Amino acid sequence: MQTRAAKRKATLVVVEKQHPKKQRVVLGELRNLPNITVSETQNPRKRRKTISHNVKKPFLTNTTLSSSQIDEPYFSDIYQYLRVTEMQLKRRPMVNYMDKVQHVVTPNMRGILVDWLVDVAVEYKLLSETLHLSVSYIDRFLSVNPMNKSRLQLLGVSSMLIASKYEEVSPPRVEKFCSITDNTYEKEEVVEMEAEILKCLNFEMGNPTAITFLRRFLDVASENQKTQNLKIEFLSFYLAELSLMDYDCIRFLPSVMAASVIFLARFIFSPEVHPWTSSLSEFTGYISVELKECVLTLHDLYFSRKAESFKAVRDKYKQPKFKCVADLPSPPHVPSCYFEDQ
């Protein structure tokens, strides 16, 4: 019997020629952060108002989800549990931790670290879940621990080590994560940081991420676009990974981010059609106006109006195996009428 992670990874397998492996140059002291390359050999913000704990259970029909993905009788209860769990403060980063906690680390440094971790995930063929969980651990840790820039990369690889153990069938060994940093850190240092992260997060490692919700939303999102299912999936994953680059995106709940990703992906594919259907509204529990701020932020990221210096995700999704979704055209603005109540 295949494990859950193995099934997820199998859905993303596409036949293609193998490309030479690439490895990002170590971040080091982070002195030349904007110029990190790939070698050939290897302001305080108010917390966004969240949904009530009395989460409305999603509406289900026979076409909502394929039976191979989830057992329909339990979906409403699972979804309600995830929505409540995502709002627990112990599983959320502080939305203004850069201003309140960090004195050296900046949003740009964080973005460069995440950009590098995208390449690490590609190098070791890690699931998107692993990448998202890694970034969640990083943000939660930085919310309570001031960090020196020389240890920021250590935090990144140690977080990814933990996330890979949680999500992957065969997680890379700790030596692999030392190697990817050009052996800047010894095995003992990574293991010590791993323990520090686990203790700091009180071993609460299974928090929902945008990908957790996105996989549950995708079937409904493509119910009227069967011929483009794979492209919609890849575009959705691309948008979700783009959001990781932007520190400002941590203020959005994972379910809001996932719903906004679906909204924008459908808009990019069919700009003339309202992207938010009644089925999606009932299924996710969100109406379009509740997604407006997040959708517009994602749209700015898609057009490189934000985080334009971070190239790893864009380069990844320009590849044929991801249907070159990063190159898909989109109108420069989302019509305001799409955010009005239907």
C-alpha atoms as a PDB file:
ATOM      1  CA  MET A   1       0.000   0.000   0.000  1.00  0.00           C
ATOM      2  CA  GLN A   2       1.333   3.436  -0.927  1.00  0.00           C
ATOM      3  CA  THR A   3       1.801   5.982   1.822  1.00  0.00           C
ATOM      4  CA  ARG A   4       0.030   9.335   1.756  1.00  0.00           C
ATOM      5  CA  ALA A   5       3.206  11.160   0.793  1.00  0.00           C
ATOM      6  CA  ALA A   6       4.026   8.635  -1.929  1.00  0.00           C
ATOM      7  CA  LYS A   7       0.615   9.121  -3.523  1.00  0.00           C
ATOM      8  CA  ARG A   8       1.032  12.896  -3.479  1.00  0.00           C
ATOM      9  CA  LYS A   9       4.453  12.692  -5.059  1.00  0.00           C
ATOM     10  CA  ALA A  10       3.169  10.277  -7.734  1.00  0.00           C
ATOM     11  CA  THR A  11       0.633  12.842  -8.946  1.00  0.00           C
ATOM     12  CA  LEU A  12       3.402  15.237  -9.907  1.00  0.00           C
ATOM     13  CA  VAL A  13       5.470  12.777 -11.968  1.00  0.00           C
ATOM     14  CA  VAL A  14       5.736  13.900 -15.603  1.00  0.00           C
ATOM     15  CA  VAL A  15       7.944  12.200 -18.177  1.00  0.00           C
ATOM     16  CA  GLU A  16      10.796  14.447 -19.194  1.00  0.00           C
ATOM     17  CA  LYS A  17      14.508  14.486 -19.924  1.00  0.00           C
ATOM     18  CA  GLN A  18      16.618  14.787 -16.803  1.00  0.00           C
ATOM     19  CA  HIS A  19      18.304  18.152 -16.323  1.00  0.00           C
ATOM     20  CA  PRO A  20      21.756  18.518 -14.727  1.00  0.00           C
ATOM     21  CA  LYS A  21      21.538  18.929 -10.970  1.00  0.00           C
ATOM     22  CA  LYS A  22      22.086  22.421  -9.636  1.00  0.00           C
ATOM     23  CA  GLN A  23      23.021  23.573  -6.173  1.00  0.00           C
ATOM     24  CA  ARG A  24      22.600  27.028  -4.734  1.00  0.00           C
ATOM     25  CA  VAL A  25      25.664  28.798  -3.454  1.00  0.00           C
ATOM     26  CA  VAL A  26      25.673  28.975   0.334  1.00  0.00           C
ATOM     27  CA  LEU A  27      24.205  32.098   1.915  1.00  0.00           C
ATOM     28  CA  GLY A  28      27.223  32.469   4.191  1.00  0.00           C
ATOM     29  CA  GLU A  29      27.288  35.774   6.003  1.00  0.00           C
ATOM     30  CA  LEU A  30      24.463  37.123   3.814  1.00  0.00           C
ATOM     31  CA  ARG A  31      26.649  40.034   2.720  1.00  0.00           C
ATOM     32  CA  ASN A  32      25.791  39.741  -0.967  1.00  0.00           C
ATOM     33  CA  LEU A  33      22.231  38.619  -0.553  1.00  0.00           C
ATOM     34  CA  PRO A  34      20.742  39.947  -3.824  1.00  0.00           C
ATOM     35  CA  ASN A  35      23.415  38.202  -5.884  1.00  0.00           C
ATOM     36  CA  ILE A  36      23.032  34.599  -4.736  1.00  0.00           C
ATOM     37  CA  THR A  37      23.411  32.348  -7.781  1.00  0.00           C
ATOM     38  CA  VAL A  38      23.203  28.712  -8.780  1.00  0.00           C
ATOM     39  CA  SER A  39      26.469  26.911  -9.405  1.00  0.00           C
ATOM     40  CA  GLU A  40      26.848  24.418 -12.222  1.00  0.00           C
ATOM     41  CA  THR A  41      28.046  21.573 -10.016  1.00  0.00           C
ATOM     42  CA  GLN A  42      25.674  21.435  -7.376  1.00  0.00           C
ATOM     43  CA  ASN A  43       6.123  48.005   9.540  1.00  0.00           C
ATOM     44  CA  PRO A  44       3.928  46.596  12.297  1.00  0.00           C
ATOM     45  CA  ARG A  45       0.656  45.491  10.821  1.00  0.00           C
ATOM     46  CA  LYS A  46      -2.664  44.792  12.423  1.00  0.00           C
ATOM     47  CA  ARG A  47      -3.685  41.185  12.592  1.00  0.00           C
ATOM     48  CA  ARG A  48      -6.235  40.407   9.913  1.00  0.00           C
ATOM     49  CA  LYS A  49      -9.638  39.658  11.294  1.00  0.00           C
ATOM     50  CA  THR A  50     -10.087  35.903  11.234  1.00  0.00           C
ATOM     51  CA  ILE A  51     -13.099  33.688  10.910  1.00  0.00           C
ATOM     52  CA  SER A  52     -15.129  32.616  13.886  1.00  0.00           C
ATOM     53  CA  HIS A  53     -14.437  29.343  15.644  1.00  0.00           C
ATOM     54  CA  ASN A  54     -17.957  28.383  14.629  1.00  0.00           C
ATOM     55  CA  VAL A  55     -16.686  27.377  11.221  1.00  0.00           C
ATOM     56  CA  LYS A  56     -19.347  26.636   8.674  1.00  0.00           C
ATOM     57  CA  LYS A  57     -19.019  23.114   7.354  1.00  0.00           C
ATOM     58  CA  PRO A  58     -18.444  22.966   3.599  1.00  0.00           C
ATOM     59  CA  PHE A  59     -21.181  21.964   1.218  1.00  0.00           C
ATOM     60  CA  LEU A  60     -20.497  18.616  -0.467  1.00  0.00           C
ATOM     61  CA  THR A  61     -21.874  17.038  -3.611  1.00  0.00           C
ATOM     62  CA  ASN A  62     -20.987  13.847  -5.425  1.00  0.00           C
ATOM     63  CA  THR A  63     -18.680  15.828  -7.710  1.00  0.00           C
ATOM     64  CA  THR A  64     -16.900  17.735  -4.983  1.00  0.00           C
ATOM     65  CA  LEU A  65     -13.919  15.431  -4.505  1.00  0.00           C
ATOM     66  CA  SER A  66     -12.666  12.287  -6.170  1.00  0.00           C
ATOM     67  CA  SER A  67     -12.964   9.216  -3.966  1.00  0.00           C
ATOM     68  CA  SER A  68      -9.259   8.531  -4.438  1.00  0.00           C
ATOM     69  CA  GLN A  69      -8.383  11.747  -2.622  1.00  0.00           C
ATOM     70  CA  ILE A  70     -10.595  11.807   0.426  1.00  0.00           C
ATOM     71  CA  ASP A  71     -13.374   9.873   2.129  1.00  0.00           C
ATOM     72  CA  GLU A  72     -16.360  12.153   1.609  1.00  0.00           C
ATOM     73  CA  PRO A  73     -18.347  11.273   4.775  1.00  0.00           C
ATOM     74  CA  TYR A  74     -15.510  12.621   6.935  1.00  0.00           C
ATOM     75  CA  PHE A  75     -14.484  15.606   4.872  1.00  0.00           C
ATOM     76  CA  SER A  76     -16.668  18.186   6.605  1.00  0.00           C
ATOM     77  CA  ASP A  77     -15.338  17.234  10.023  1.00  0.00           C
ATOM     78  CA  ILE A  78     -11.727  17.187   8.801  1.00  0.00           C
ATOM     79  CA  TYR A  79     -12.125  20.559   7.127  1.00  0.00           C
ATOM     80  CA  GLN A  80     -13.739  22.093  10.192  1.00  0.00           C
ATOM     81  CA  TYR A  81     -10.886  20.767  12.343  1.00  0.00           C
ATOM     82  CA  LEU A  82      -8.264  22.245   9.998  1.00  0.00           C
ATOM     83  CA  ARG A  83      -9.993  25.642   9.968  1.00  0.00           C
ATOM     84  CA  VAL A  84     -10.055  25.768  13.761  1.00  0.00           C
ATOM     85  CA  THR A  85      -6.477  24.491  14.047  1.00  0.00           C
ATOM     86  CA  GLU A  86      -5.056  27.074  11.632  1.00  0.00           C
ATOM     87  CA  MET A  87      -6.248  29.889  13.900  1.00  0.00           C
ATOM     88  CA  GLN A  88      -4.539  28.639  17.040  1.00  0.00           C
ATOM     89  CA  LEU A  89      -1.952  31.238  18.026  1.00  0.00           C
ATOM     90  CA  LYS A  90       0.613  28.585  18.899  1.00  0.00           C
ATOM     91  CA  ARG A  91       0.554  27.449  15.268  1.00  0.00           C
ATOM     92  CA  ARG A  92       0.698  30.928  13.741  1.00  0.00           C
ATOM     93  CA  PRO A  93       3.630  33.324  13.296  1.00  0.00           C
ATOM     94  CA  MET A  94       3.420  36.808  14.771  1.00  0.00           C
ATOM     95  CA  VAL A  95       2.327  39.024  11.880  1.00  0.00           C
ATOM     96  CA  ASN A  96       4.772  41.826  12.750  1.00  0.00           C
ATOM     97  CA  TYR A  97       7.674  39.852  14.170  1.00  0.00           C
ATOM     98  CA  MET A  98      10.218  41.655  11.983  1.00  0.00           C
ATOM     99  CA  ASP A  99       9.411  44.889  13.825  1.00  0.00           C
ATOM    100  CA  LYS A 100       8.780  43.471  17.285  1.00  0.00           C
ATOM    101  CA  VAL A 101      11.388  40.704  17.610  1.00  0.00           C
ATOM    102  CA  GLN A 102      14.062  40.815  14.925  1.00  0.00           C
ATOM    103  CA  HIS A 103      16.786  43.459  15.105  1.00  0.00           C
ATOM    104  CA  VAL A 104      19.116  42.130  12.404  1.00  0.00           C
ATOM    105  CA  VAL A 105      17.082  39.869  10.127  1.00  0.00           C
ATOM    106  CA  THR A 106      14.987  41.741   7.559  1.00  0.00           C
ATOM    107  CA  PRO A 107      12.109  40.726   5.255  1.00  0.00           C
ATOM    108  CA  ASN A 108      14.581  40.742   2.371  1.00  0.00           C
ATOM    109  CA  MET A 109      16.917  38.327   4.184  1.00  0.00           C
ATOM    110  CA  ARG A 110      13.974  36.076   4.906  1.00  0.00           C
ATOM    111  CA  GLY A 111      12.972  36.170   1.240  1.00  0.00           C
ATOM    112  CA  ILE A 112      16.478  35.233   0.118  1.00  0.00           C
ATOM    113  CA  LEU A 113      16.524  32.315   2.546  1.00  0.00           C
ATOM    114  CA  VAL A 114      13.163  31.027   1.295  1.00  0.00           C
ATOM    115  CA  ASP A 115      14.259  31.528  -2.311  1.00  0.00           C
ATOM    116  CA  TRP A 116      17.306  29.358  -1.595  1.00  0.00           C
ATOM    117  CA  LEU A 117      15.169  26.716   0.148  1.00  0.00           C
ATOM    118  CA  VAL A 118      13.079  26.412  -3.013  1.00  0.00           C
ATOM    119  CA  ASP A 119      16.226  25.318  -4.832  1.00  0.00           C
ATOM    120  CA  VAL A 120      17.076  22.913  -2.006  1.00  0.00           C
ATOM    121  CA  ALA A 121      13.606  21.375  -2.290  1.00  0.00           C
ATOM    122  CA  VAL A 122      14.059  20.995  -6.049  1.00  0.00           C
ATOM    123  CA  GLU A 123      17.531  19.479  -5.609  1.00  0.00           C
ATOM    124  CA  TYR A 124      16.262  16.813  -3.207  1.00  0.00           C
ATOM    125  CA  LYS A 125      12.878  16.375  -4.928  1.00  0.00           C
ATOM    126  CA  LEU A 126      10.926  17.337  -1.832  1.00  0.00           C
ATOM    127  CA  LEU A 127       7.166  17.769  -1.743  1.00  0.00           C
ATOM    128  CA  SER A 128       5.583  21.199  -1.825  1.00  0.00           C
ATOM    129  CA  GLU A 129       4.142  20.346   1.601  1.00  0.00           C
ATOM    130  CA  THR A 130       7.682  20.057   2.934  1.00  0.00           C
ATOM    131  CA  LEU A 131       8.641  23.477   1.596  1.00  0.00           C
ATOM    132  CA  HIS A 132       5.551  25.173   3.033  1.00  0.00           C
ATOM    133  CA  LEU A 133       5.976  23.491   6.406  1.00  0.00           C
ATOM    134  CA  SER A 134       9.653  24.514   6.498  1.00  0.00           C
ATOM    135  CA  VAL A 135       8.768  28.171   5.971  1.00  0.00           C
ATOM    136  CA  SER A 136       6.054  27.924   8.612  1.00  0.00           C
ATOM    137  CA  TYR A 137       8.602  26.643  11.141  1.00  0.00           C
ATOM    138  CA  ILE A 138      11.013  29.444  10.212  1.00  0.00           C
ATOM    139  CA  ASP A 139       8.393  32.170  10.687  1.00  0.00           C
ATOM    140  CA  ARG A 140       7.142  30.712  13.951  1.00  0.00           C
ATOM    141  CA  PHE A 141      10.681  30.430  15.306  1.00  0.00           C
ATOM    142  CA  LEU A 142      11.601  33.967  14.242  1.00  0.00           C
ATOM    143  CA  SER A 143       8.430  35.232  15.932  1.00  0.00           C
ATOM    144  CA  VAL A 144       9.956  34.576  19.361  1.00  0.00           C
ATOM    145  CA  ASN A 145      13.731  34.325  18.828  1.00  0.00           C
ATOM    146  CA  PRO A 146      15.983  37.171  17.675  1.00  0.00           C
ATOM    147  CA  MET A 147      18.328  35.704  15.053  1.00  0.00           C
ATOM    148  CA  ASN A 148      21.813  36.613  13.899  1.00  0.00           C
ATOM    149  CA  LYS A 149      22.132  36.623  10.115  1.00  0.00           C
ATOM    150  CA  SER A 150      25.031  34.153  10.256  1.00  0.00           C
ATOM    151  CA  ARG A 151      22.675  31.523  11.714  1.00  0.00           C
ATOM    152  CA  LEU A 152      19.732  32.212   9.436  1.00  0.00           C
ATOM    153  CA  GLN A 153      20.717  29.566   6.904  1.00  0.00           C
ATOM    154  CA  LEU A 154      21.211  27.077   9.736  1.00  0.00           C
ATOM    155  CA  LEU A 155      17.632  27.772  10.831  1.00  0.00           C
ATOM    156  CA  GLY A 156      16.478  27.202   7.259  1.00  0.00           C
ATOM    157  CA  VAL A 157      18.129  23.823   6.675  1.00  0.00           C
ATOM    158  CA  SER A 158      17.215  22.584  10.152  1.00  0.00           C
ATOM    159  CA  SER A 159      13.574  23.555   9.591  1.00  0.00           C
ATOM    160  CA  MET A 160      13.566  21.737   6.267  1.00  0.00           C
ATOM    161  CA  LEU A 161      15.147  18.691   7.908  1.00  0.00           C
ATOM    162  CA  ILE A 162      12.281  18.557  10.417  1.00  0.00           C
ATOM    163  CA  ALA A 163       9.627  19.164   7.753  1.00  0.00           C
ATOM    164  CA  SER A 164      11.065  16.455   5.503  1.00  0.00           C
ATOM    165  CA  LYS A 165      10.915  13.973   8.374  1.00  0.00           C
ATOM    166  CA  TYR A 166       7.275  14.921   8.875  1.00  0.00           C
ATOM    167  CA  GLU A 167       6.181  14.800   5.220  1.00  0.00           C
ATOM    168  CA  GLU A 168       8.557  12.705   3.112  1.00  0.00           C
ATOM    169  CA  VAL A 169       8.649   8.954   2.510  1.00  0.00           C
ATOM    170  CA  SER A 170      12.455   8.999   2.396  1.00  0.00           C
ATOM    171  CA  PRO A 171      13.706  12.260   3.916  1.00  0.00           C
ATOM    172  CA  PRO A 172      17.273  13.338   3.135  1.00  0.00           C
ATOM    173  CA  ARG A 173      19.808  12.551   5.840  1.00  0.00           C
ATOM    174  CA  VAL A 174      21.225  15.366   7.927  1.00  0.00           C
ATOM    175  CA  GLU A 175      24.526  15.067   6.049  1.00  0.00           C
ATOM    176  CA  LYS A 176      22.719  16.069   2.854  1.00  0.00           C
ATOM    177  CA  PHE A 177      21.554  19.295   4.439  1.00  0.00           C
ATOM    178  CA  CYS A 178      25.091  20.017   5.616  1.00  0.00           C
ATOM    179  CA  SER A 179      26.372  19.381   2.103  1.00  0.00           C
ATOM    180  CA  ILE A 180      23.849  21.724   0.488  1.00  0.00           C
ATOM    181  CA  THR A 181      25.291  24.556   2.605  1.00  0.00           C
ATOM    182  CA  ASP A 182      28.761  23.746   1.253  1.00  0.00           C
ATOM    183  CA  ASN A 183      29.478  22.278   4.707  1.00  0.00           C
ATOM    184  CA  THR A 184      29.214  25.676   6.343  1.00  0.00           C
ATOM    185  CA  TYR A 185      27.610  23.865   9.278  1.00  0.00           C
ATOM    186  CA  GLU A 186      28.640  20.615  10.937  1.00  0.00           C
ATOM    187  CA  LYS A 187      26.168  17.807  11.517  1.00  0.00           C
ATOM    188  CA  GLU A 188      26.182  18.529  15.251  1.00  0.00           C
ATOM    189  CA  GLU A 189      25.188  22.154  14.647  1.00  0.00           C
ATOM    190  CA  VAL A 190      22.219  21.141  12.488  1.00  0.00           C
ATOM    191  CA  VAL A 191      21.079  18.570  15.049  1.00  0.00           C
ATOM    192  CA  GLU A 192      21.379  21.124  17.860  1.00  0.00           C
ATOM    193  CA  MET A 193      19.351  23.669  15.912  1.00  0.00           C
ATOM    194  CA  GLU A 194      16.775  20.983  15.120  1.00  0.00           C
ATOM    195  CA  ALA A 195      16.336  20.361  18.842  1.00  0.00           C
ATOM    196  CA  GLU A 196      16.119  24.097  19.515  1.00  0.00           C
ATOM    197  CA  ILE A 197      13.352  24.497  16.924  1.00  0.00           C
ATOM    198  CA  LEU A 198      11.381  21.535  18.265  1.00  0.00           C
ATOM    199  CA  LYS A 199      11.586  22.863  21.806  1.00  0.00           C
ATOM    200  CA  CYS A 200      10.675  26.401  20.757  1.00  0.00           C
ATOM    201  CA  LEU A 201       7.613  25.202  18.838  1.00  0.00           C
ATOM    202  CA  ASN A 202       6.674  22.836  21.667  1.00  0.00           C
ATOM    203  CA  PHE A 203       6.733  19.925  19.202  1.00  0.00           C
ATOM    204  CA  GLU A 204       3.610  21.323  17.482  1.00  0.00           C
ATOM    205  CA  MET A 205       4.824  20.423  13.997  1.00  0.00           C
ATOM    206  CA  GLY A 206       1.637  19.512  12.129  1.00  0.00           C
ATOM    207  CA  ASN A 207       0.084  22.916  11.547  1.00  0.00           C
ATOM    208  CA  PRO A 208      -2.021  23.331   8.378  1.00  0.00           C
ATOM    209  CA  THR A 209      -0.433  25.270   5.512  1.00  0.00           C
ATOM    210  CA  ALA A 210      -1.887  26.726   2.326  1.00  0.00           C
ATOM    211  CA  ILE A 211      -1.073  23.452   0.542  1.00  0.00           C
ATOM    212  CA  THR A 212      -3.131  21.520   3.091  1.00  0.00           C
ATOM    213  CA  PHE A 213      -6.236  23.421   1.986  1.00  0.00           C
ATOM    214  CA  LEU A 214      -5.232  23.825  -1.647  1.00  0.00           C
ATOM    215  CA  ARG A 215      -5.271  20.098  -2.337  1.00  0.00           C
ATOM    216  CA  ARG A 216      -8.813  19.977  -0.981  1.00  0.00           C
ATOM    217  CA  PHE A 217      -9.966  22.913  -3.108  1.00  0.00           C
ATOM    218  CA  LEU A 218      -8.460  21.875  -6.443  1.00  0.00           C
ATOM    219  CA  ASP A 219     -11.148  19.434  -7.599  1.00  0.00           C
ATOM    220  CA  VAL A 220     -13.873  22.019  -7.120  1.00  0.00           C
ATOM    221  CA  ALA A 221     -11.703  24.659  -8.782  1.00  0.00           C
ATOM    222  CA  SER A 222     -11.354  22.643 -11.969  1.00  0.00           C
ATOM    223  CA  GLU A 223     -14.789  21.047 -12.073  1.00  0.00           C
ATOM    224  CA  ASN A 224     -15.736  23.031 -15.192  1.00  0.00           C
ATOM    225  CA  GLN A 225     -12.278  22.974 -16.748  1.00  0.00           C
ATOM    226  CA  LYS A 226     -11.497  19.266 -16.971  1.00  0.00           C
ATOM    227  CA  THR A 227      -9.120  19.645 -19.882  1.00  0.00           C
ATOM    228  CA  GLN A 228      -6.901  22.017 -17.903  1.00  0.00           C
ATOM    229  CA  ASN A 229      -6.798  20.220 -14.560  1.00  0.00           C
ATOM    230  CA  LEU A 230      -3.041  19.706 -14.540  1.00  0.00           C
ATOM    231  CA  LYS A 231      -2.290  23.278 -15.589  1.00  0.00           C
ATOM    232  CA  ILE A 232      -4.596  24.673 -12.920  1.00  0.00           C
ATOM    233  CA  GLU A 233      -2.901  22.485 -10.333  1.00  0.00           C
ATOM    234  CA  PHE A 234       0.580  23.596 -11.363  1.00  0.00           C
ATOM    235  CA  LEU A 235      -0.446  27.256 -11.546  1.00  0.00           C
ATOM    236  CA  SER A 236      -2.032  27.001  -8.101  1.00  0.00           C
ATOM    237  CA  PHE A 237       1.103  25.476  -6.631  1.00  0.00           C
ATOM    238  CA  TYR A 238       3.172  28.177  -8.316  1.00  0.00           C
ATOM    239  CA  LEU A 239       1.079  30.965  -6.806  1.00  0.00           C
ATOM    240  CA  ALA A 240       1.164  29.323  -3.380  1.00  0.00           C
ATOM    241  CA  GLU A 241       4.958  29.038  -3.493  1.00  0.00           C
ATOM    242  CA  LEU A 242       5.256  32.645  -4.675  1.00  0.00           C
ATOM    243  CA  SER A 243       3.422  33.708  -1.527  1.00  0.00           C
ATOM    244  CA  LEU A 244       6.190  32.166   0.581  1.00  0.00           C
ATOM    245  CA  MET A 245       8.629  34.762  -0.768  1.00  0.00           C
ATOM    246  CA  ASP A 246       6.665  37.688   0.652  1.00  0.00           C
ATOM    247  CA  TYR A 247       6.836  38.343   4.394  1.00  0.00           C
ATOM    248  CA  ASP A 248       3.596  40.346   4.145  1.00  0.00           C
ATOM    249  CA  CYS A 249       1.705  37.177   3.214  1.00  0.00           C
ATOM    250  CA  ILE A 250       2.079  35.656   6.677  1.00  0.00           C
ATOM    251  CA  ARG A 251      -0.846  37.784   7.839  1.00  0.00           C
ATOM    252  CA  PHE A 252      -3.252  35.681   5.780  1.00  0.00           C
ATOM    253  CA  LEU A 253      -4.668  32.446   7.144  1.00  0.00           C
ATOM    254  CA  PRO A 254      -3.595  29.369   5.144  1.00  0.00           C
ATOM    255  CA  SER A 255      -7.198  28.694   4.085  1.00  0.00           C
ATOM    256  CA  VAL A 256      -7.559  32.294   2.867  1.00  0.00           C
ATOM    257  CA  MET A 257      -4.320  31.955   0.907  1.00  0.00           C
ATOM    258  CA  ALA A 258      -5.435  28.663  -0.646  1.00  0.00           C
ATOM    259  CA  ALA A 259      -8.834  30.063  -1.634  1.00  0.00           C
ATOM    260  CA  SER A 260      -7.189  33.195  -3.071  1.00  0.00           C
ATOM    261  CA  VAL A 261      -4.772  31.051  -5.070  1.00  0.00           C
ATOM    262  CA  ILE A 262      -7.728  29.217  -6.608  1.00  0.00           C
ATOM    263  CA  PHE A 263      -9.481  32.518  -7.348  1.00  0.00           C
ATOM    264  CA  LEU A 264      -6.444  33.974  -9.138  1.00  0.00           C
ATOM    265  CA  ALA A 265      -5.562  30.769 -10.997  1.00  0.00           C
ATOM    266  CA  ARG A 266      -9.072  30.582 -12.440  1.00  0.00           C
ATOM    267  CA  PHE A 267      -8.931  34.275 -13.333  1.00  0.00           C
ATOM    268  CA  ILE A 268      -5.622  33.838 -15.184  1.00  0.00           C
ATOM    269  CA  PHE A 269      -7.077  30.974 -17.212  1.00  0.00           C
ATOM    270  CA  SER A 270     -10.405  32.647 -17.973  1.00  0.00           C
ATOM    271  CA  PRO A 271     -10.283  36.410 -17.265  1.00  0.00           C
ATOM    272  CA  GLU A 272     -13.705  36.988 -18.809  1.00  0.00           C
ATOM    273  CA  VAL A 273     -15.451  34.521 -16.466  1.00  0.00           C
ATOM    274  CA  HIS A 274     -16.153  35.241 -12.809  1.00  0.00           C
ATOM    275  CA  PRO A 275     -13.551  33.084 -11.030  1.00  0.00           C
ATOM    276  CA  TRP A 276     -15.456  32.524  -7.805  1.00  0.00           C
ATOM    277  CA  THR A 277     -18.422  30.199  -8.231  1.00  0.00           C
ATOM    278  CA  SER A 278     -21.171  29.460  -5.754  1.00  0.00           C
ATOM    279  CA  SER A 279     -19.743  25.940  -5.387  1.00  0.00           C
ATOM    280  CA  LEU A 280     -16.363  27.333  -4.388  1.00  0.00           C
ATOM    281  CA  SER A 281     -17.955  29.785  -1.993  1.00  0.00           C
ATOM    282  CA  GLU A 282     -19.978  27.093  -0.250  1.00  0.00           C
ATOM    283  CA  PHE A 283     -17.132  24.608  -0.272  1.00  0.00           C
ATOM    284  CA  THR A 284     -14.452  26.940   1.138  1.00  0.00           C
ATOM    285  CA  GLY A 285     -16.690  29.044   3.356  1.00  0.00           C
ATOM    286  CA  TYR A 286     -15.394  32.293   1.809  1.00  0.00           C
ATOM    287  CA  ILE A 287     -17.141  34.851  -0.370  1.00  0.00           C
ATOM    288  CA  SER A 288     -15.098  36.736  -2.946  1.00  0.00           C
ATOM    289  CA  VAL A 289     -14.895  40.043  -1.045  1.00  0.00           C
ATOM    290  CA  GLU A 290     -13.176  38.257   1.853  1.00  0.00           C
ATOM    291  CA  LEU A 291     -10.394  37.215  -0.530  1.00  0.00           C
ATOM    292  CA  LYS A 292      -9.810  40.577  -2.203  1.00  0.00           C
ATOM    293  CA  GLU A 293      -6.741  41.718  -0.264  1.00  0.00           C
ATOM    294  CA  CYS A 294      -4.995  38.373  -0.585  1.00  0.00           C
ATOM    295  CA  VAL A 295      -5.866  37.964  -4.281  1.00  0.00           C
ATOM    296  CA  LEU A 296      -4.482  41.403  -5.141  1.00  0.00           C
ATOM    297  CA  THR A 297      -1.288  40.672  -3.194  1.00  0.00           C
ATOM    298  CA  LEU A 298      -0.831  37.429  -5.127  1.00  0.00           C
ATOM    299  CA  HIS A 299      -1.525  39.226  -8.389  1.00  0.00           C
ATOM    300  CA  ASP A 300       1.255  41.711  -7.602  1.00  0.00           C
ATOM    301  CA  LEU A 301       3.600  38.799  -6.921  1.00  0.00           C
ATOM    302  CA  TYR A 302       2.594  37.160 -10.194  1.00  0.00           C
ATOM    303  CA  PHE A 303       3.504  40.335 -12.076  1.00  0.00           C
ATOM    304  CA  SER A 304       6.766  40.688 -10.114  1.00  0.00           C
ATOM    305  CA  ARG A 305       5.516  43.942  -8.652  1.00  0.00           C
ATOM    306  CA  LYS A 306       6.613  42.447  -5.328  1.00  0.00           C
ATOM    307  CA  ALA A 307       9.570  40.160  -4.492  1.00  0.00           C
ATOM    308  CA  GLU A 308      10.870  40.625  -8.025  1.00  0.00           C
ATOM    309  CA  SER A 309      14.460  39.715  -7.086  1.00  0.00           C
ATOM    310  CA  PHE A 310      13.543  36.190  -5.999  1.00  0.00           C
ATOM    311  CA  LYS A 311      13.794  33.958  -9.049  1.00  0.00           C
ATOM    312  CA  ALA A 312      13.846  30.353  -7.812  1.00  0.00           C
ATOM    313  CA  VAL A 313      10.078  29.755  -7.839  1.00  0.00           C
ATOM    314  CA  ARG A 314       9.631  31.539 -11.164  1.00  0.00           C
ATOM    315  CA  ASP A 315      12.458  29.562 -12.777  1.00  0.00           C
ATOM    316  CA  LYS A 316      11.057  26.326 -11.376  1.00  0.00           C
ATOM    317  CA  TYR A 317       7.602  26.826 -12.864  1.00  0.00           C
ATOM    318  CA  LYS A 318       8.910  27.984 -16.237  1.00  0.00           C
ATOM    319  CA  GLN A 319       9.980  24.397 -16.878  1.00  0.00           C
ATOM    320  CA  PRO A 320       8.010  22.217 -19.330  1.00  0.00           C
ATOM    321  CA  LYS A 321       7.319  19.606 -16.646  1.00  0.00           C
ATOM    322  CA  PHE A 322       5.201  22.259 -14.902  1.00  0.00           C
ATOM    323  CA  LYS A 323       3.568  23.283 -18.197  1.00  0.00           C
ATOM    324  CA  CYS A 324       5.479  26.605 -18.131  1.00  0.00           C
ATOM    325  CA  VAL A 325       2.722  28.111 -15.975  1.00  0.00           C
ATOM    326  CA  ALA A 326       5.005  30.925 -14.803  1.00  0.00           C
ATOM    327  CA  ASP A 327       4.866  32.316 -18.348  1.00  0.00           C
ATOM    328  CA  LEU A 328       1.069  32.360 -18.655  1.00  0.00           C
ATOM    329  CA  PRO A 329      -0.290  35.817 -19.554  1.00  0.00           C
ATOM    330  CA  SER A 330      -2.697  37.598 -17.258  1.00  0.00           C
ATOM    331  CA  PRO A 331      -4.568  40.910 -17.368  1.00  0.00           C
ATOM    332  CA  PRO A 332      -2.702  43.556 -15.341  1.00  0.00           C
ATOM    333  CA  HIS A 333      -5.679  44.153 -13.064  1.00  0.00           C
ATOM    334  CA  VAL A 334      -8.443  42.062 -11.511  1.00  0.00           C
ATOM    335  CA  PRO A 335     -11.854  43.713 -12.129  1.00  0.00           C
ATOM    336  CA  SER A 336     -13.335  45.084  -8.928  1.00  0.00           C
ATOM    337  CA  CYS A 337     -16.720  43.625  -9.870  1.00  0.00           C
ATOM    338  CA  TYR A 338     -15.291  40.155  -9.210  1.00  0.00           C
ATOM    339  CA  PHE A 339     -15.126  41.035  -5.523  1.00  0.00           C
ATOM    340  CA  GLU A 340     -18.755  42.076  -5.238  1.00  0.00           C
ATOM    341  CA  ASP A 341     -21.354  39.788  -3.741  1.00  0.00           C
ATOM    342  CA  GLN A 342     -23.054  37.657  -6.344  1.00  0.00           C
END
